[in-house]
Amino acid sequence: AQDTGGAIRGAVRADFFWGTGSEAGVLAGRMRQQG
């Protein structure tokens, strides 16, 4: 846990950091999983 975000609220909620650039952007843009 190294970051925070305006839309990240709640105990079972996270934003996963994929890295830099377009390939990471594709993965980030498509990610909406349960965890």
All heavy atoms as atom14 arrays in JSON, in Angstrom:
{
  "sequence": "AQDTGGAIRGAVRADFFWGTGSEAGVLAGRMRQQG",
  "atom14_mask": [
    [1, 1, 1, 1, 1, 0, 0, 0, 0, 0, 0, 0, 0, 0],
    [1, 1, 1, 1, 1, 1, 1, 1, 1, 0, 0, 0, 0, 0],
    [1, 1, 1, 1, 1, 1, 1, 1, 0, 0, 0, 0, 0, 0],
    [1, 1, 1, 1, 1, 1, 1, 0, 0, 0, 0, 0, 0, 0],
    [1, 1, 1, 1, 0, 0, 0, 0, 0, 0, 0, 0, 0, 0],
    [1, 1, 1, 1, 0, 0, 0, 0, 0, 0, 0, 0, 0, 0],
    [1, 1, 1, 1, 1, 0, 0, 0, 0, 0, 0, 0, 0, 0],
    [1, 1, 1, 1, 1, 1, 1, 1, 0, 0, 0, 0, 0, 0],
    [1, 1, 1, 1, 1, 1, 1, 1, 1, 1, 1, 0, 0, 0],
    [1, 1, 1, 1, 0, 0, 0, 0, 0, 0, 0, 0, 0, 0],
    [1, 1, 1, 1, 1, 0, 0, 0, 0, 0, 0, 0, 0, 0],
    [1, 1, 1, 1, 1, 1, 1, 0, 0, 0, 0, 0, 0, 0],
    [1, 1, 1, 1, 1, 1, 1, 1, 1, 1, 1, 0, 0, 0],
    [1, 1, 1, 1, 1, 0, 0, 0, 0, 0, 0, 0, 0, 0],
    [1, 1, 1, 1, 1, 1, 1, 1, 0, 0, 0, 0, 0, 0],
    [1, 1, 1, 1, 1, 1, 1, 1, 1, 1, 1, 0, 0, 0],
    [1, 1, 1, 1, 1, 1, 1, 1, 1, 1, 1, 0, 0, 0],
    [1, 1, 1, 1, 1, 1, 1, 1, 1, 1, 1, 1, 1, 1],
    [1, 1, 1, 1, 0, 0, 0, 0, 0, 0, 0, 0, 0, 0],
    [1, 1, 1, 1, 1, 1, 1, 0, 0, 0, 0, 0, 0, 0],
    [1, 1, 1, 1, 0, 0, 0, 0, 0, 0, 0, 0, 0, 0],
    [1, 1, 1, 1, 1, 1, 0, 0, 0, 0, 0, 0, 0, 0],
    [1, 1, 1, 1, 1, 1, 1, 1, 1, 0, 0, 0, 0, 0],
    [1, 1, 1, 1, 1, 0, 0, 0, 0, 0, 0, 0, 0, 0],
    [1, 1, 1, 1, 0, 0, 0, 0, 0, 0, 0, 0, 0, 0],
    [1, 1, 1, 1, 1, 1, 1, 0, 0, 0, 0, 0, 0, 0],
    [1, 1, 1, 1, 1, 1, 1, 1, 0, 0, 0, 0, 0, 0],
    [1, 1, 1, 1, 1, 0, 0, 0, 0, 0, 0, 0, 0, 0],
    [1, 1, 1, 1, 0, 0, 0, 0, 0, 0, 0, 0, 0, 0],
    [1, 1, 1, 1, 1, 1, 1, 1, 1, 1, 1, 0, 0, 0],
    [1, 1, 1, 1, 1, 1, 1, 1, 0, 0, 0, 0, 0, 0],
    [1, 1, 1, 1, 1, 1, 1, 1, 1, 1, 1, 0, 0, 0],
    [1, 1, 1, 1, 1, 1, 1, 1, 1, 0, 0, 0, 0, 0],
    [1, 1, 1, 1, 1, 1, 1, 1, 1, 0, 0, 0, 0, 0],
    [1, 1, 1, 1, 0, 0, 0, 0, 0, 0, 0, 0, 0, 0]
  ],
  "atom14_positions": [
    [[0.86, -1.19, 0.0], [0.0, 0.0, 0.0], [0.89, 1.24, 0.0], [1.44, 1.61, 1.03], [-0.91, -0.01, 1.22], [0.0, 0.0, 0.0], [0.0, 0.0, 0.0], [0.0, 0.0, 0.0], [0.0, 0.0, 0.0], [0.0, 0.0, 0.0], [0.0, 0.0, 0.0], [0.0, 0.0, 0.0], [0.0, 0.0, 0.0], [0.0, 0.0, 0.0]],
    [[1.04, 1.87, -1.17], [1.97, 2.99, -1.3], [1.31, 4.25, -1.85], [1.99, 5.26, -2.03], [3.12, 2.6, -2.24], [4.02, 1.52, -1.66], [5.14, 1.13, -2.61], [4.95, 1.08, -3.82], [6.31, 0.85, -2.07], [0.0, 0.0, 0.0], [0.0, 0.0, 0.0], [0.0, 0.0, 0.0], [0.0, 0.0, 0.0], [0.0, 0.0, 0.0]],
    [[0.01, 4.2, -2.11], [-0.6, 5.35, -2.76], [-2.05, 5.47, -2.31], [-2.61, 4.57, -1.67], [-0.54, 5.18, -4.28], [-0.52, 6.49, -5.03], [-0.66, 7.55, -4.39], [-0.38, 6.47, -6.27], [0.0, 0.0, 0.0], [0.0, 0.0, 0.0], [0.0, 0.0, 0.0], [0.0, 0.0, 0.0], [0.0, 0.0, 0.0], [0.0, 0.0, 0.0]],
    [[-2.65, 6.6, -2.64], [-4.06, 6.85, -2.36], [-4.7, 7.4, -3.62], [-4.02, 7.73, -4.59], [-4.23, 7.86, -1.21], [-3.6, 9.09, -1.58], [-3.6, 7.34, 0.07], [0.0, 0.0, 0.0], [0.0, 0.0, 0.0], [0.0, 0.0, 0.0], [0.0, 0.0, 0.0], [0.0, 0.0, 0.0], [0.0, 0.0, 0.0], [0.0, 0.0, 0.0]],
    [[-6.01, 7.54, -3.62], [-6.7, 8.09, -4.79], [-8.08, 8.56, -4.43], [-8.73, 8.02, -3.52], [0.0, 0.0, 0.0], [0.0, 0.0, 0.0], [0.0, 0.0, 0.0], [0.0, 0.0, 0.0], [0.0, 0.0, 0.0], [0.0, 0.0, 0.0], [0.0, 0.0, 0.0], [0.0, 0.0, 0.0], [0.0, 0.0, 0.0], [0.0, 0.0, 0.0]],
    [[-8.56, 9.58, -5.15], [-9.85, 10.17, -4.85], [-11.0, 9.19, -4.94], [-11.99, 9.31, -4.21], [0.0, 0.0, 0.0], [0.0, 0.0, 0.0], [0.0, 0.0, 0.0], [0.0, 0.0, 0.0], [0.0, 0.0, 0.0], [0.0, 0.0, 0.0], [0.0, 0.0, 0.0], [0.0, 0.0, 0.0], [0.0, 0.0, 0.0], [0.0, 0.0, 0.0]],
    [[-10.91, 8.2, -5.84], [-12.0, 7.24, -6.0], [-11.79, 5.97, -5.18], [-12.61, 5.06, -5.25], [-12.14, 6.87, -7.48], [0.0, 0.0, 0.0], [0.0, 0.0, 0.0], [0.0, 0.0, 0.0], [0.0, 0.0, 0.0], [0.0, 0.0, 0.0], [0.0, 0.0, 0.0], [0.0, 0.0, 0.0], [0.0, 0.0, 0.0], [0.0, 0.0, 0.0]],
    [[-10.69, 5.92, -4.43], [-10.38, 4.7, -3.68], [-10.88, 4.87, -2.25], [-10.21, 5.45, -1.39], [-8.86, 4.41, -3.7], [-8.32, 4.54, -5.12], [-8.58, 3.03, -3.14], [-9.03, 3.67, -6.14], [0.0, 0.0, 0.0], [0.0, 0.0, 0.0], [0.0, 0.0, 0.0], [0.0, 0.0, 0.0], [0.0, 0.0, 0.0], [0.0, 0.0, 0.0]],
    [[-12.07, 4.37, -2.01], [-12.72, 4.53, -0.72], [-13.28, 3.19, -0.26], [-13.99, 2.52, -1.02], [-13.87, 5.56, -0.81], [-13.4, 6.98, -1.08], [-12.73, 7.57, 0.17], [-12.25, 8.91, -0.07], [-11.0, 9.21, -0.4], [-10.12, 8.25, -0.55], [-10.63, 10.48, -0.56], [0.0, 0.0, 0.0], [0.0, 0.0, 0.0], [0.0, 0.0, 0.0]],
    [[-12.95, 2.81, 0.97], [-13.49, 1.59, 1.53], [-12.39, 0.6, 1.88], [-11.24, 0.7, 1.45], [0.0, 0.0, 0.0], [0.0, 0.0, 0.0], [0.0, 0.0, 0.0], [0.0, 0.0, 0.0], [0.0, 0.0, 0.0], [0.0, 0.0, 0.0], [0.0, 0.0, 0.0], [0.0, 0.0, 0.0], [0.0, 0.0, 0.0], [0.0, 0.0, 0.0]],
    [[-12.77, -0.4, 2.69], [-11.8, -1.36, 3.2], [-11.36, -2.36, 2.14], [-10.2, -2.77, 2.1], [-12.41, -2.1, 4.39], [0.0, 0.0, 0.0], [0.0, 0.0, 0.0], [0.0, 0.0, 0.0], [0.0, 0.0, 0.0], [0.0, 0.0, 0.0], [0.0, 0.0, 0.0], [0.0, 0.0, 0.0], [0.0, 0.0, 0.0], [0.0, 0.0, 0.0]],
    [[-12.28, -2.79, 1.27], [-11.94, -3.78, 0.25], [-12.01, -3.1, -1.12], [-12.9, -3.35, -1.94], [-12.85, -5.03, 0.32], [-12.47, -5.87, 1.52], [-14.32, -4.65, 0.41], [0.0, 0.0, 0.0], [0.0, 0.0, 0.0], [0.0, 0.0, 0.0], [0.0, 0.0, 0.0], [0.0, 0.0, 0.0], [0.0, 0.0, 0.0], [0.0, 0.0, 0.0]],
    [[-11.05, -2.24, -1.36], [-10.98, -1.42, -2.58], [-9.53, -1.08, -2.84], [-8.8, -0.72, -1.92], [-11.81, -0.14, -2.4], [-11.74, 0.83, -3.56], [-12.58, 0.37, -4.72], [-12.65, 1.39, -5.77], [-11.82, 1.47, -6.81], [-10.84, 0.58, -6.95], [-11.96, 2.41, -7.72], [0.0, 0.0, 0.0], [0.0, 0.0, 0.0], [0.0, 0.0, 0.0]],
    [[-9.09, -1.2, -4.09], [-7.7, -0.88, -4.42], [-7.58, -0.5, -5.89], [-8.43, -0.85, -6.72], [-6.78, -2.07, -4.12], [0.0, 0.0, 0.0], [0.0, 0.0, 0.0], [0.0, 0.0, 0.0], [0.0, 0.0, 0.0], [0.0, 0.0, 0.0], [0.0, 0.0, 0.0], [0.0, 0.0, 0.0], [0.0, 0.0, 0.0], [0.0, 0.0, 0.0]],
    [[-6.52, 0.23, -6.18], [-6.12, 0.58, -7.53], [-4.74, -0.02, -7.75], [-3.81, 0.27, -6.97], [-6.08, 2.12, -7.65], [-6.6, 2.63, -8.98], [-7.13, 1.82, -9.77], [-6.48, 3.84, -9.24], [0.0, 0.0, 0.0], [0.0, 0.0, 0.0], [0.0, 0.0, 0.0], [0.0, 0.0, 0.0], [0.0, 0.0, 0.0], [0.0, 0.0, 0.0]],
    [[-4.59, -0.84, -8.77], [-3.36, -1.61, -9.03], [-2.5, -0.84, -10.03], [-2.95, -0.5, -11.11], [-3.75, -2.98, -9.58], [-2.62, -3.95, -9.76], [-2.28, -4.83, -8.74], [-1.91, -4.0, -10.96], [-1.25, -5.74, -8.92], [-0.89, -4.91, -11.14], [-0.55, -5.79, -10.12], [0.0, 0.0, 0.0], [0.0, 0.0, 0.0], [0.0, 0.0, 0.0]],
    [[-1.24, -0.58, -9.67], [-0.35, 0.2, -10.54], [0.33, -0.7, -11.56], [1.09, -1.6, -11.2], [0.7, 0.94, -9.7], [1.66, 1.73, -10.54], [1.21, 2.78, -11.33], [3.01, 1.43, -10.55], [2.09, 3.51, -12.13], [3.9, 2.15, -11.32], [3.43, 3.2, -12.12], [0.0, 0.0, 0.0], [0.0, 0.0, 0.0], [0.0, 0.0, 0.0]],
    [[0.07, -0.42, -12.86], [0.58, -1.27, -13.92], [1.9, -0.81, -14.52], [2.55, -1.57, -15.24], [-0.47, -1.39, -15.03], [-1.57, -2.33, -14.7], [-2.83, -2.01, -14.29], [-1.52, -3.76, -14.73], [-3.56, -3.16, -14.05], [-2.78, -4.24, -14.32], [-0.52, -4.69, -15.06], [-3.07, -5.61, -14.24], [-0.82, -6.04, -14.98], [-2.07, -6.49, -14.58]],
    [[2.31, 0.43, -14.29], [3.57, 0.9, -14.86], [3.38, 2.1, -15.76], [2.43, 2.87, -15.61], [0.0, 0.0, 0.0], [0.0, 0.0, 0.0], [0.0, 0.0, 0.0], [0.0, 0.0, 0.0], [0.0, 0.0, 0.0], [0.0, 0.0, 0.0], [0.0, 0.0, 0.0], [0.0, 0.0, 0.0], [0.0, 0.0, 0.0], [0.0, 0.0, 0.0]],
    [[4.3, 2.26, -16.72], [4.36, 3.45, -17.56], [4.09, 3.11, -19.03], [4.52, 2.08, -19.51], [5.75, 4.11, -17.45], [6.0, 4.45, -16.09], [5.86, 5.36, -18.31], [0.0, 0.0, 0.0], [0.0, 0.0, 0.0], [0.0, 0.0, 0.0], [0.0, 0.0, 0.0], [0.0, 0.0, 0.0], [0.0, 0.0, 0.0], [0.0, 0.0, 0.0]],
    [[3.39, 4.0, -19.71], [3.23, 3.89, -21.16], [1.95, 3.25, -21.61], [1.07, 2.89, -20.81], [0.0, 0.0, 0.0], [0.0, 0.0, 0.0], [0.0, 0.0, 0.0], [0.0, 0.0, 0.0], [0.0, 0.0, 0.0], [0.0, 0.0, 0.0], [0.0, 0.0, 0.0], [0.0, 0.0, 0.0], [0.0, 0.0, 0.0], [0.0, 0.0, 0.0]],
    [[1.85, 3.09, -22.94], [0.58, 2.68, -23.55], [0.16, 1.26, -23.17], [-1.03, 0.99, -22.97], [0.67, 2.82, -25.07], [1.75, 2.04, -25.58], [0.0, 0.0, 0.0], [0.0, 0.0, 0.0], [0.0, 0.0, 0.0], [0.0, 0.0, 0.0], [0.0, 0.0, 0.0], [0.0, 0.0, 0.0], [0.0, 0.0, 0.0], [0.0, 0.0, 0.0]],
    [[1.11, 0.33, -23.11], [0.75, -1.05, -22.76], [0.19, -1.12, -21.35], [-0.83, -1.79, -21.09], [1.97, -1.97, -22.88], [1.64, -3.45, -22.65], [2.83, -4.35, -22.89], [3.79, -3.92, -23.55], [2.79, -5.5, -22.41], [0.0, 0.0, 0.0], [0.0, 0.0, 0.0], [0.0, 0.0, 0.0], [0.0, 0.0, 0.0], [0.0, 0.0, 0.0]],
    [[0.84, -0.41, -20.42], [0.32, -0.35, -19.05], [-1.05, 0.33, -19.04], [-1.94, -0.05, -18.27], [1.29, 0.39, -18.15], [0.0, 0.0, 0.0], [0.0, 0.0, 0.0], [0.0, 0.0, 0.0], [0.0, 0.0, 0.0], [0.0, 0.0, 0.0], [0.0, 0.0, 0.0], [0.0, 0.0, 0.0], [0.0, 0.0, 0.0], [0.0, 0.0, 0.0]],
    [[-1.21, 1.33, -19.91], [-2.49, 2.03, -19.99], [-3.62, 1.13, -20.45], [-4.76, 1.25, -19.96], [0.0, 0.0, 0.0], [0.0, 0.0, 0.0], [0.0, 0.0, 0.0], [0.0, 0.0, 0.0], [0.0, 0.0, 0.0], [0.0, 0.0, 0.0], [0.0, 0.0, 0.0], [0.0, 0.0, 0.0], [0.0, 0.0, 0.0], [0.0, 0.0, 0.0]],
    [[-3.34, 0.24, -21.39], [-4.36, -0.69, -21.86], [-4.82, -1.6, -20.72], [-6.01, -1.81, -20.5], [-3.83, -1.52, -23.05], [-4.79, -2.67, -23.37], [-3.64, -0.64, -24.28], [0.0, 0.0, 0.0], [0.0, 0.0, 0.0], [0.0, 0.0, 0.0], [0.0, 0.0, 0.0], [0.0, 0.0, 0.0], [0.0, 0.0, 0.0], [0.0, 0.0, 0.0]],
    [[-3.86, -2.14, -19.97], [-4.2, -3.02, -18.85], [-4.97, -2.26, -17.77], [-5.98, -2.74, -17.24], [-2.93, -3.62, -18.27], [-2.21, -4.65, -19.15], [-0.81, -4.94, -18.63], [-3.02, -5.94, -19.24], [0.0, 0.0, 0.0], [0.0, 0.0, 0.0], [0.0, 0.0, 0.0], [0.0, 0.0, 0.0], [0.0, 0.0, 0.0], [0.0, 0.0, 0.0]],
    [[-4.49, -1.06, -17.46], [-5.16, -0.26, -16.42], [-6.58, 0.1, -16.83], [-7.51, 0.04, -16.03], [-4.34, 1.0, -16.14], [0.0, 0.0, 0.0], [0.0, 0.0, 0.0], [0.0, 0.0, 0.0], [0.0, 0.0, 0.0], [0.0, 0.0, 0.0], [0.0, 0.0, 0.0], [0.0, 0.0, 0.0], [0.0, 0.0, 0.0], [0.0, 0.0, 0.0]],
    [[-6.74, 0.48, -18.12], [-8.05, 0.9, -18.59], [-9.07, -0.21, -18.61], [-10.28, 0.05, -18.52], [0.0, 0.0, 0.0], [0.0, 0.0, 0.0], [0.0, 0.0, 0.0], [0.0, 0.0, 0.0], [0.0, 0.0, 0.0], [0.0, 0.0, 0.0], [0.0, 0.0, 0.0], [0.0, 0.0, 0.0], [0.0, 0.0, 0.0], [0.0, 0.0, 0.0]],
    [[-8.61, -1.45, -18.72], [-9.53, -2.58, -18.8], [-9.79, -3.23, -17.44], [-10.65, -4.1, -17.32], [-8.97, -3.63, -19.75], [-8.95, -3.18, -21.21], [-8.25, -4.2, -22.08], [-8.33, -3.83, -23.49], [-7.67, -4.43, -24.47], [-6.86, -5.45, -24.18], [-7.8, -4.03, -25.7], [0.0, 0.0, 0.0], [0.0, 0.0, 0.0], [0.0, 0.0, 0.0]],
    [[-9.03, -2.85, -16.44], [-9.12, -3.57, -15.17], [-10.3, -3.07, -14.33], [-10.37, -1.91, -13.95], [-7.82, -3.41, -14.37], [-7.77, -4.33, -13.16], [-6.13, -4.41, -12.44], [-6.3, -5.84, -11.37], [0.0, 0.0, 0.0], [0.0, 0.0, 0.0], [0.0, 0.0, 0.0], [0.0, 0.0, 0.0], [0.0, 0.0, 0.0], [0.0, 0.0, 0.0]],
    [[-11.17, -3.97, -14.06], [-12.31, -3.71, -13.16], [-12.75, -5.06, -12.6], [-13.8, -5.59, -12.93], [-13.44, -3.02, -13.93], [-14.52, -2.43, -13.04], [-15.56, -1.65, -13.84], [-16.59, -1.13, -12.98], [-16.51, -0.01, -12.28], [-15.41, 0.71, -12.36], [-17.5, 0.39, -11.51], [0.0, 0.0, 0.0], [0.0, 0.0, 0.0], [0.0, 0.0, 0.0]],
    [[-11.89, -5.6, -11.73], [-12.06, -6.96, -11.24], [-12.53, -6.95, -9.78], [-12.44, -5.93, -9.09], [-10.72, -7.71, -11.3], [-9.88, -7.44, -12.56], [-10.56, -7.88, -13.82], [-10.98, -7.04, -14.6], [-10.67, -9.17, -14.01], [0.0, 0.0, 0.0], [0.0, 0.0, 0.0], [0.0, 0.0, 0.0], [0.0, 0.0, 0.0], [0.0, 0.0, 0.0]],
    [[-13.0, -8.1, -9.33], [-13.27, -8.3, -7.91], [-12.02, -8.89, -7.27], [-11.27, -9.64, -7.9], [-14.45, -9.24, -7.7], [-15.79, -8.61, -8.08], [-16.15, -7.45, -7.16], [-16.29, -7.62, -5.95], [-16.28, -6.26, -7.74], [0.0, 0.0, 0.0], [0.0, 0.0, 0.0], [0.0, 0.0, 0.0], [0.0, 0.0, 0.0], [0.0, 0.0, 0.0]],
    [[-11.77, -8.52, -6.02], [-10.58, -9.03, -5.35], [-10.77, -9.12, -3.85], [-11.69, -8.53, -3.27], [0.0, 0.0, 0.0], [0.0, 0.0, 0.0], [0.0, 0.0, 0.0], [0.0, 0.0, 0.0], [0.0, 0.0, 0.0], [0.0, 0.0, 0.0], [0.0, 0.0, 0.0], [0.0, 0.0, 0.0], [0.0, 0.0, 0.0], [0.0, 0.0, 0.0]]
  ]
}
